Amino acid sequence: MIDDLFDRANRPVRPFEFDADVARVFPDMVRRSVPGYAELVGLSGLIARRVAGPRARCYDLGCSLGAVTRTILRQTGPDVTVIAVDNAPAMIAGLRTQFADSDDAERVVTQCADIQTVPIEQASLVVLNLTLQFVPIELRLELLQRIRAGLVPGGALILAEKFAAPEGRAGAWLTTLHEDFKRANGYSELAIARKRAALEQVLIPESLATHEQRLTEAGFAGAVRWFQSLNFVAWLAWI
């Protein structure tokens, strides 16, 4: 369905949440809001193919409607399991509906839970796809440390985030082009402004350097940026 949630001038702007209204339009919202989203998801599946061997366990934390879960399943063997976790009941309900009649249904374990409390155990791959930015900053290192501790030898983390635009002309270009991307995808000036206001205290981006320093502090042996489109970036971190 078409995302028109922020075109309604007569509705007050509330802090953004992943409720039933957002779940209903989420595929259209993320496609029109996140540059390169399809490529980001597809390449995540190719990474899964490399790191998830027989009987591997993968985690999709903040799974929303399961785009990453589906690409992992497509790219890995029939004995690989994906544990898909989200704290939004509407998202988990939508994911479960999509997999209800799927041949891969038995390979997916869904949990409506807080990713900060879900045990990470014997994981070959953990994915945080545009998820860490919604976790309170003071809790982000602890989450990455738990993920690091739950990876098997050879395991990896995919971390994809919107990063804070740097100061000066470079940051101005990134911000302007991202808004142009939204305009080119049909969002009105009203919708862009209202969604920005809704996300302001909910999605807290950080600098590239901050993310990379935190991955080191969490105990990862190394990390590489493997994707960037405007102010969206993804790292592969390993142990």
C-alpha atoms as a PDB file:
ATOM      1  CA  MET A   1       0.000   0.000   0.000  1.00  0.00           C
ATOM      2  CA  ILE A   2       1.066   3.597  -0.641  1.00  0.00           C
ATOM      3  CA  ASP A   3       2.710   5.445   2.237  1.00  0.00           C
ATOM      4  CA  ASP A   4       0.645   8.577   2.793  1.00  0.00           C
ATOM      5  CA  LEU A   5       0.865   8.627   6.588  1.00  0.00           C
ATOM      6  CA  PHE A   6       2.562  12.004   6.824  1.00  0.00           C
ATOM      7  CA  ASP A   7       0.477  13.780   4.198  1.00  0.00           C
ATOM      8  CA  ARG A   8      -2.373  14.310   6.649  1.00  0.00           C
ATOM      9  CA  ALA A   9      -2.012  17.898   7.832  1.00  0.00           C
ATOM     10  CA  ASN A  10      -4.998  17.610  10.191  1.00  0.00           C
ATOM     11  CA  ARG A  11      -3.277  14.939  12.318  1.00  0.00           C
ATOM     12  CA  PRO A  12      -0.827  15.894  15.085  1.00  0.00           C
ATOM     13  CA  VAL A  13       2.781  14.829  14.577  1.00  0.00           C
ATOM     14  CA  ARG A  14       3.564  12.128  17.125  1.00  0.00           C
ATOM     15  CA  PRO A  15       6.866  10.392  17.798  1.00  0.00           C
ATOM     16  CA  PHE A  16       7.407   7.726  15.157  1.00  0.00           C
ATOM     17  CA  GLU A  17       6.493   4.174  16.128  1.00  0.00           C
ATOM     18  CA  PHE A  18       6.211   0.900  14.254  1.00  0.00           C
ATOM     19  CA  ASP A  19       2.473   0.517  14.761  1.00  0.00           C
ATOM     20  CA  ALA A  20      -0.200  -1.081  12.582  1.00  0.00           C
ATOM     21  CA  ASP A  21      -0.406   1.969  10.293  1.00  0.00           C
ATOM     22  CA  VAL A  22       3.332   1.877   9.608  1.00  0.00           C
ATOM     23  CA  ALA A  23       3.334  -1.904   9.164  1.00  0.00           C
ATOM     24  CA  ARG A  24       0.605  -1.579   6.545  1.00  0.00           C
ATOM     25  CA  VAL A  25       2.690   0.736   4.327  1.00  0.00           C
ATOM     26  CA  PHE A  26       6.192  -0.253   5.419  1.00  0.00           C
ATOM     27  CA  PRO A  27       7.430  -1.857   2.163  1.00  0.00           C
ATOM     28  CA  ASP A  28       6.518   1.302   0.239  1.00  0.00           C
ATOM     29  CA  MET A  29       7.880   3.563   2.983  1.00  0.00           C
ATOM     30  CA  VAL A  30      11.303   1.982   3.170  1.00  0.00           C
ATOM     31  CA  ARG A  31      11.639   1.691  -0.616  1.00  0.00           C
ATOM     32  CA  ARG A  32      10.915   5.391  -1.087  1.00  0.00           C
ATOM     33  CA  SER A  33      12.858   6.603   1.957  1.00  0.00           C
ATOM     34  CA  VAL A  34      16.081   4.568   2.009  1.00  0.00           C
ATOM     35  CA  PRO A  35      18.291   4.882  -1.077  1.00  0.00           C
ATOM     36  CA  GLY A  36      19.688   1.555  -2.217  1.00  0.00           C
ATOM     37  CA  TYR A  37      17.472  -0.449   0.139  1.00  0.00           C
ATOM     38  CA  ALA A  38      16.878  -3.334  -2.291  1.00  0.00           C
ATOM     39  CA  GLU A  39      20.608  -3.664  -2.965  1.00  0.00           C
ATOM     40  CA  LEU A  40      21.395  -3.500   0.755  1.00  0.00           C
ATOM     41  CA  VAL A  41      18.997  -6.331   1.493  1.00  0.00           C
ATOM     42  CA  GLY A  42      20.093  -8.424  -1.474  1.00  0.00           C
ATOM     43  CA  LEU A  43      23.789  -8.130  -0.656  1.00  0.00           C
ATOM     44  CA  SER A  44      23.036  -9.116   2.941  1.00  0.00           C
ATOM     45  CA  GLY A  45      21.758 -12.403   1.562  1.00  0.00           C
ATOM     46  CA  LEU A  46      25.010 -12.960  -0.324  1.00  0.00           C
ATOM     47  CA  ILE A  47      26.963 -12.389   2.895  1.00  0.00           C
ATOM     48  CA  ALA A  48      24.710 -14.929   4.607  1.00  0.00           C
ATOM     49  CA  ARG A  49      25.533 -17.453   1.899  1.00  0.00           C
ATOM     50  CA  ARG A  50      29.232 -17.044   2.728  1.00  0.00           C
ATOM     51  CA  VAL A  51      29.057 -17.258   6.519  1.00  0.00           C
ATOM     52  CA  ALA A  52      26.054 -19.508   7.234  1.00  0.00           C
ATOM     53  CA  GLY A  53      27.075 -23.111   6.744  1.00  0.00           C
ATOM     54  CA  PRO A  54      25.053 -26.286   7.360  1.00  0.00           C
ATOM     55  CA  ARG A  55      22.666 -26.078  10.337  1.00  0.00           C
ATOM     56  CA  ALA A  56      23.651 -22.458  10.953  1.00  0.00           C
ATOM     57  CA  ARG A  57      21.617 -20.132  13.124  1.00  0.00           C
ATOM     58  CA  CYS A  58      21.089 -16.532  11.959  1.00  0.00           C
ATOM     59  CA  TYR A  59      19.431 -13.642  13.770  1.00  0.00           C
ATOM     60  CA  ASP A  60      17.481 -10.805  12.144  1.00  0.00           C
ATOM     61  CA  LEU A  61      17.169  -8.286  14.980  1.00  0.00           C
ATOM     62  CA  GLY A  62      14.601  -5.601  14.326  1.00  0.00           C
ATOM     63  CA  CYS A  63      13.273  -7.717  11.492  1.00  0.00           C
ATOM     64  CA  SER A  64      10.181  -5.591  10.680  1.00  0.00           C
ATOM     65  CA  LEU A  65       8.281  -7.510   7.955  1.00  0.00           C
ATOM     66  CA  GLY A  66      11.195  -9.835   7.241  1.00  0.00           C
ATOM     67  CA  ALA A  67      12.938  -8.552   4.115  1.00  0.00           C
ATOM     68  CA  VAL A  68      16.347  -9.613   5.428  1.00  0.00           C
ATOM     69  CA  THR A  69      14.947 -12.866   6.791  1.00  0.00           C
ATOM     70  CA  ARG A  70      13.646 -13.766   3.345  1.00  0.00           C
ATOM     71  CA  THR A  71      16.916 -13.017   1.567  1.00  0.00           C
ATOM     72  CA  ILE A  72      18.858 -15.121   4.099  1.00  0.00           C
ATOM     73  CA  LEU A  73      16.493 -18.021   3.531  1.00  0.00           C
ATOM     74  CA  ARG A  74      16.810 -17.711  -0.256  1.00  0.00           C
ATOM     75  CA  GLN A  75      20.600 -17.704  -0.156  1.00  0.00           C
ATOM     76  CA  THR A  76      21.255 -20.451   2.406  1.00  0.00           C
ATOM     77  CA  GLY A  77      20.680 -24.162   2.742  1.00  0.00           C
ATOM     78  CA  PRO A  78      17.431 -25.796   3.894  1.00  0.00           C
ATOM     79  CA  ASP A  79      18.815 -26.556   7.361  1.00  0.00           C
ATOM     80  CA  VAL A  80      19.664 -22.920   8.176  1.00  0.00           C
ATOM     81  CA  THR A  81      17.362 -21.253  10.716  1.00  0.00           C
ATOM     82  CA  VAL A  82      16.570 -17.556  11.046  1.00  0.00           C
ATOM     83  CA  ILE A  83      15.445 -16.143  14.381  1.00  0.00           C
ATOM     84  CA  ALA A  84      13.473 -13.015  13.489  1.00  0.00           C
ATOM     85  CA  VAL A  85      12.944 -10.607  16.374  1.00  0.00           C
ATOM     86  CA  ASP A  86      11.003  -7.355  16.598  1.00  0.00           C
ATOM     87  CA  ASN A  87       9.336  -5.568  19.495  1.00  0.00           C
ATOM     88  CA  ALA A  88       6.482  -4.258  17.348  1.00  0.00           C
ATOM     89  CA  PRO A  89       3.488  -6.639  17.456  1.00  0.00           C
ATOM     90  CA  ALA A  90       2.180  -5.327  14.120  1.00  0.00           C
ATOM     91  CA  MET A  91       5.473  -6.130  12.382  1.00  0.00           C
ATOM     92  CA  ILE A  92       5.719  -9.627  13.822  1.00  0.00           C
ATOM     93  CA  ALA A  93       2.083 -10.302  12.943  1.00  0.00           C
ATOM     94  CA  GLY A  94       2.723  -9.198   9.362  1.00  0.00           C
ATOM     95  CA  LEU A  95       5.835 -11.357   9.097  1.00  0.00           C
ATOM     96  CA  ARG A  96       4.018 -14.401  10.448  1.00  0.00           C
ATOM     97  CA  THR A  97       1.210 -13.891   7.954  1.00  0.00           C
ATOM     98  CA  GLN A  98       3.690 -13.747   5.070  1.00  0.00           C
ATOM     99  CA  PHE A  99       5.364 -16.993   6.124  1.00  0.00           C
ATOM    100  CA  ALA A 100       2.188 -18.841   7.143  1.00  0.00           C
ATOM    101  CA  ASP A 101       1.932 -20.795   3.886  1.00  0.00           C
ATOM    102  CA  SER A 102       5.587 -20.635   2.887  1.00  0.00           C
ATOM    103  CA  ASP A 103       7.779 -23.650   2.289  1.00  0.00           C
ATOM    104  CA  ASP A 104      10.315 -21.927   4.543  1.00  0.00           C
ATOM    105  CA  ALA A 105       7.940 -21.481   7.482  1.00  0.00           C
ATOM    106  CA  GLU A 106       9.686 -24.124   9.580  1.00  0.00           C
ATOM    107  CA  ARG A 107      13.038 -22.357   9.110  1.00  0.00           C
ATOM    108  CA  VAL A 108      11.830 -19.138  10.736  1.00  0.00           C
ATOM    109  CA  VAL A 109      11.464 -18.632  14.478  1.00  0.00           C
ATOM    110  CA  THR A 110       9.638 -15.381  15.215  1.00  0.00           C
ATOM    111  CA  GLN A 111       9.817 -13.537  18.516  1.00  0.00           C
ATOM    112  CA  CYS A 112       7.970 -10.399  19.550  1.00  0.00           C
ATOM    113  CA  ALA A 113      10.544  -9.215  22.032  1.00  0.00           C
ATOM    114  CA  ASP A 114      13.044  -6.519  22.924  1.00  0.00           C
ATOM    115  CA  ILE A 115      16.296  -7.201  21.055  1.00  0.00           C
ATOM    116  CA  GLN A 116      18.190  -5.954  24.093  1.00  0.00           C
ATOM    117  CA  THR A 117      17.043  -8.959  26.118  1.00  0.00           C
ATOM    118  CA  VAL A 118      16.871 -11.758  23.521  1.00  0.00           C
ATOM    119  CA  PRO A 119      19.667 -14.314  24.044  1.00  0.00           C
ATOM    120  CA  ILE A 120      22.125 -14.546  21.131  1.00  0.00           C
ATOM    121  CA  GLU A 121      23.443 -18.094  21.042  1.00  0.00           C
ATOM    122  CA  GLN A 122      25.566 -20.031  18.544  1.00  0.00           C
ATOM    123  CA  ALA A 123      24.971 -17.451  15.825  1.00  0.00           C
ATOM    124  CA  SER A 124      26.731 -17.615  12.481  1.00  0.00           C
ATOM    125  CA  LEU A 125      25.235 -14.299  11.396  1.00  0.00           C
ATOM    126  CA  VAL A 126      23.477 -11.457  13.185  1.00  0.00           C
ATOM    127  CA  VAL A 127      21.856  -8.645  11.216  1.00  0.00           C
ATOM    128  CA  LEU A 128      20.982  -5.207  12.589  1.00  0.00           C
ATOM    129  CA  ASN A 129      19.417  -3.644   9.519  1.00  0.00           C
ATOM    130  CA  LEU A 130      18.549  -0.011  10.311  1.00  0.00           C
ATOM    131  CA  THR A 131      17.828  -1.096  13.883  1.00  0.00           C
ATOM    132  CA  LEU A 132      20.607   0.094  16.190  1.00  0.00           C
ATOM    133  CA  GLN A 133      19.641   3.711  15.472  1.00  0.00           C
ATOM    134  CA  PHE A 134      16.399   3.142  17.418  1.00  0.00           C
ATOM    135  CA  VAL A 135      18.208   1.744  20.488  1.00  0.00           C
ATOM    136  CA  PRO A 136      19.089   4.284  23.210  1.00  0.00           C
ATOM    137  CA  ILE A 137      22.705   5.365  22.695  1.00  0.00           C
ATOM    138  CA  GLU A 138      23.774   4.310  26.178  1.00  0.00           C
ATOM    139  CA  LEU A 139      22.629   0.731  25.477  1.00  0.00           C
ATOM    140  CA  ARG A 140      24.195   0.248  22.047  1.00  0.00           C
ATOM    141  CA  LEU A 141      27.622  -0.971  23.176  1.00  0.00           C
ATOM    142  CA  GLU A 142      26.106  -3.553  25.503  1.00  0.00           C
ATOM    143  CA  LEU A 143      23.958  -4.918  22.665  1.00  0.00           C
ATOM    144  CA  LEU A 144      26.961  -5.243  20.348  1.00  0.00           C
ATOM    145  CA  GLN A 145      28.951  -6.937  23.106  1.00  0.00           C
ATOM    146  CA  ARG A 146      26.182  -9.512  23.589  1.00  0.00           C
ATOM    147  CA  ILE A 147      26.071 -10.124  19.844  1.00  0.00           C
ATOM    148  CA  ARG A 148      29.851 -10.551  19.731  1.00  0.00           C
ATOM    149  CA  ALA A 149      29.704 -13.035  22.603  1.00  0.00           C
ATOM    150  CA  GLY A 150      26.971 -15.031  20.880  1.00  0.00           C
ATOM    151  CA  LEU A 151      28.782 -15.546  17.564  1.00  0.00           C
ATOM    152  CA  VAL A 152      30.442 -18.831  16.680  1.00  0.00           C
ATOM    153  CA  PRO A 153      34.018 -18.807  15.307  1.00  0.00           C
ATOM    154  CA  GLY A 154      33.830 -17.410  11.795  1.00  0.00           C
ATOM    155  CA  GLY A 155      30.564 -15.645  12.584  1.00  0.00           C
ATOM    156  CA  ALA A 156      29.766 -12.103  11.540  1.00  0.00           C
ATOM    157  CA  LEU A 157      27.579  -9.084  12.167  1.00  0.00           C
ATOM    158  CA  ILE A 158      25.922  -6.974   9.490  1.00  0.00           C
ATOM    159  CA  LEU A 159      25.266  -3.482  10.826  1.00  0.00           C
ATOM    160  CA  ALA A 160      23.367  -1.072   8.560  1.00  0.00           C
ATOM    161  CA  GLU A 161      22.615   2.445   9.753  1.00  0.00           C
ATOM    162  CA  LYS A 162      21.693   5.942   8.723  1.00  0.00           C
ATOM    163  CA  PHE A 163      24.713   7.917   9.891  1.00  0.00           C
ATOM    164  CA  ALA A 164      24.856  11.487  11.132  1.00  0.00           C
ATOM    165  CA  ALA A 165      25.823  13.828   8.332  1.00  0.00           C
ATOM    166  CA  PRO A 166      29.183  15.517   8.958  1.00  0.00           C
ATOM    167  CA  GLU A 167      29.384  19.252   9.436  1.00  0.00           C
ATOM    168  CA  GLY A 168      30.018  21.548   6.515  1.00  0.00           C
ATOM    169  CA  ARG A 169      29.397  21.208   2.831  1.00  0.00           C
ATOM    170  CA  ALA A 170      29.745  17.411   2.727  1.00  0.00           C
ATOM    171  CA  GLY A 171      26.976  16.934   5.249  1.00  0.00           C
ATOM    172  CA  ALA A 172      24.790  19.506   3.538  1.00  0.00           C
ATOM    173  CA  TRP A 173      25.119  17.623   0.250  1.00  0.00           C
ATOM    174  CA  LEU A 174      24.125  14.307   1.858  1.00  0.00           C
ATOM    175  CA  THR A 175      21.115  15.809   3.608  1.00  0.00           C
ATOM    176  CA  THR A 176      19.944  17.684   0.521  1.00  0.00           C
ATOM    177  CA  LEU A 177      20.325  14.695  -1.770  1.00  0.00           C
ATOM    178  CA  HIS A 178      18.457  12.428   0.632  1.00  0.00           C
ATOM    179  CA  GLU A 179      15.526  14.845   0.645  1.00  0.00           C
ATOM    180  CA  ASP A 180      15.744  15.063  -3.147  1.00  0.00           C
ATOM    181  CA  PHE A 181      15.587  11.264  -3.253  1.00  0.00           C
ATOM    182  CA  LYS A 182      12.338  11.374  -1.289  1.00  0.00           C
ATOM    183  CA  ARG A 183      10.911  14.080  -3.545  1.00  0.00           C
ATOM    184  CA  ALA A 184      11.831  12.051  -6.617  1.00  0.00           C
ATOM    185  CA  ASN A 185       9.908   9.139  -5.116  1.00  0.00           C
ATOM    186  CA  GLY A 186       6.761  11.202  -4.752  1.00  0.00           C
ATOM    187  CA  TYR A 187       6.894  12.438  -1.170  1.00  0.00           C
ATOM    188  CA  SER A 188       5.443  15.912  -0.653  1.00  0.00           C
ATOM    189  CA  GLU A 189       7.199  18.708   1.228  1.00  0.00           C
ATOM    190  CA  LEU A 190       4.597  18.281   3.961  1.00  0.00           C
ATOM    191  CA  ALA A 191       5.290  14.559   4.312  1.00  0.00           C
ATOM    192  CA  ILE A 192       9.062  15.064   4.384  1.00  0.00           C
ATOM    193  CA  ALA A 193       8.817  17.719   7.082  1.00  0.00           C
ATOM    194  CA  ARG A 194       6.299  15.842   9.228  1.00  0.00           C
ATOM    195  CA  LYS A 195       8.196  12.564   9.100  1.00  0.00           C
ATOM    196  CA  ARG A 196      11.431  14.385   9.991  1.00  0.00           C
ATOM    197  CA  ALA A 197       9.700  15.818  13.045  1.00  0.00           C
ATOM    198  CA  ALA A 198       8.255  12.421  14.018  1.00  0.00           C
ATOM    199  CA  LEU A 199      11.672  10.756  13.870  1.00  0.00           C
ATOM    200  CA  GLU A 200      13.626  13.544  15.547  1.00  0.00           C
ATOM    201  CA  GLN A 201      13.713  12.080  19.054  1.00  0.00           C
ATOM    202  CA  VAL A 202      13.299   8.438  18.000  1.00  0.00           C
ATOM    203  CA  LEU A 203      15.946   7.731  15.363  1.00  0.00           C
ATOM    204  CA  ILE A 204      19.285   8.976  16.729  1.00  0.00           C
ATOM    205  CA  PRO A 205      22.062   8.678  14.117  1.00  0.00           C
ATOM    206  CA  GLU A 206      25.762   8.740  14.940  1.00  0.00           C
ATOM    207  CA  SER A 207      28.947   9.426  13.018  1.00  0.00           C
ATOM    208  CA  LEU A 208      30.815   6.812  11.030  1.00  0.00           C
ATOM    209  CA  ALA A 209      33.754   7.090  13.428  1.00  0.00           C
ATOM    210  CA  THR A 210      31.517   6.491  16.448  1.00  0.00           C
ATOM    211  CA  HIS A 211      30.065   3.331  14.944  1.00  0.00           C
ATOM    212  CA  GLU A 212      33.465   1.966  13.990  1.00  0.00           C
ATOM    213  CA  GLN A 213      34.993   2.730  17.383  1.00  0.00           C
ATOM    214  CA  ARG A 214      32.076   0.978  19.089  1.00  0.00           C
ATOM    215  CA  LEU A 215      32.542  -2.148  16.981  1.00  0.00           C
ATOM    216  CA  THR A 216      36.150  -2.269  18.175  1.00  0.00           C
ATOM    217  CA  GLU A 217      35.117  -1.678  21.791  1.00  0.00           C
ATOM    218  CA  ALA A 218      32.567  -4.493  21.496  1.00  0.00           C
ATOM    219  CA  GLY A 219      35.372  -6.930  20.706  1.00  0.00           C
ATOM    220  CA  PHE A 220      35.123  -7.412  16.955  1.00  0.00           C
ATOM    221  CA  ALA A 221      38.459  -8.170  15.332  1.00  0.00           C
ATOM    222  CA  GLY A 222      37.716  -6.054  12.283  1.00  0.00           C
ATOM    223  CA  ALA A 223      35.031  -4.423  10.182  1.00  0.00           C
ATOM    224  CA  VAL A 224      34.650  -3.195   6.641  1.00  0.00           C
ATOM    225  CA  ARG A 225      32.190  -0.789   5.054  1.00  0.00           C
ATOM    226  CA  TRP A 226      30.669  -2.738   2.191  1.00  0.00           C
ATOM    227  CA  PHE A 227      27.719  -0.517   1.271  1.00  0.00           C
ATOM    228  CA  GLN A 228      26.907   3.163   1.138  1.00  0.00           C
ATOM    229  CA  SER A 229      24.150   5.106  -0.546  1.00  0.00           C
ATOM    230  CA  LEU A 230      24.031   8.757   0.484  1.00  0.00           C
ATOM    231  CA  ASN A 231      23.827   8.796   4.295  1.00  0.00           C
ATOM    232  CA  PHE A 232      23.098   5.086   4.690  1.00  0.00           C
ATOM    233  CA  VAL A 233      25.976   2.695   5.273  1.00  0.00           C
ATOM    234  CA  ALA A 234      26.551  -0.950   6.189  1.00  0.00           C
ATOM    235  CA  TRP A 235      29.471  -2.713   7.828  1.00  0.00           C
ATOM    236  CA  LEU A 236      30.481  -6.351   8.019  1.00  0.00           C
ATOM    237  CA  ALA A 237      32.176  -7.040  11.358  1.00  0.00           C
ATOM    238  CA  TRP A 238      33.890 -10.312  12.255  1.00  0.00           C
ATOM    239  CA  ILE A 239      35.495 -12.018  15.213  1.00  0.00           C
END
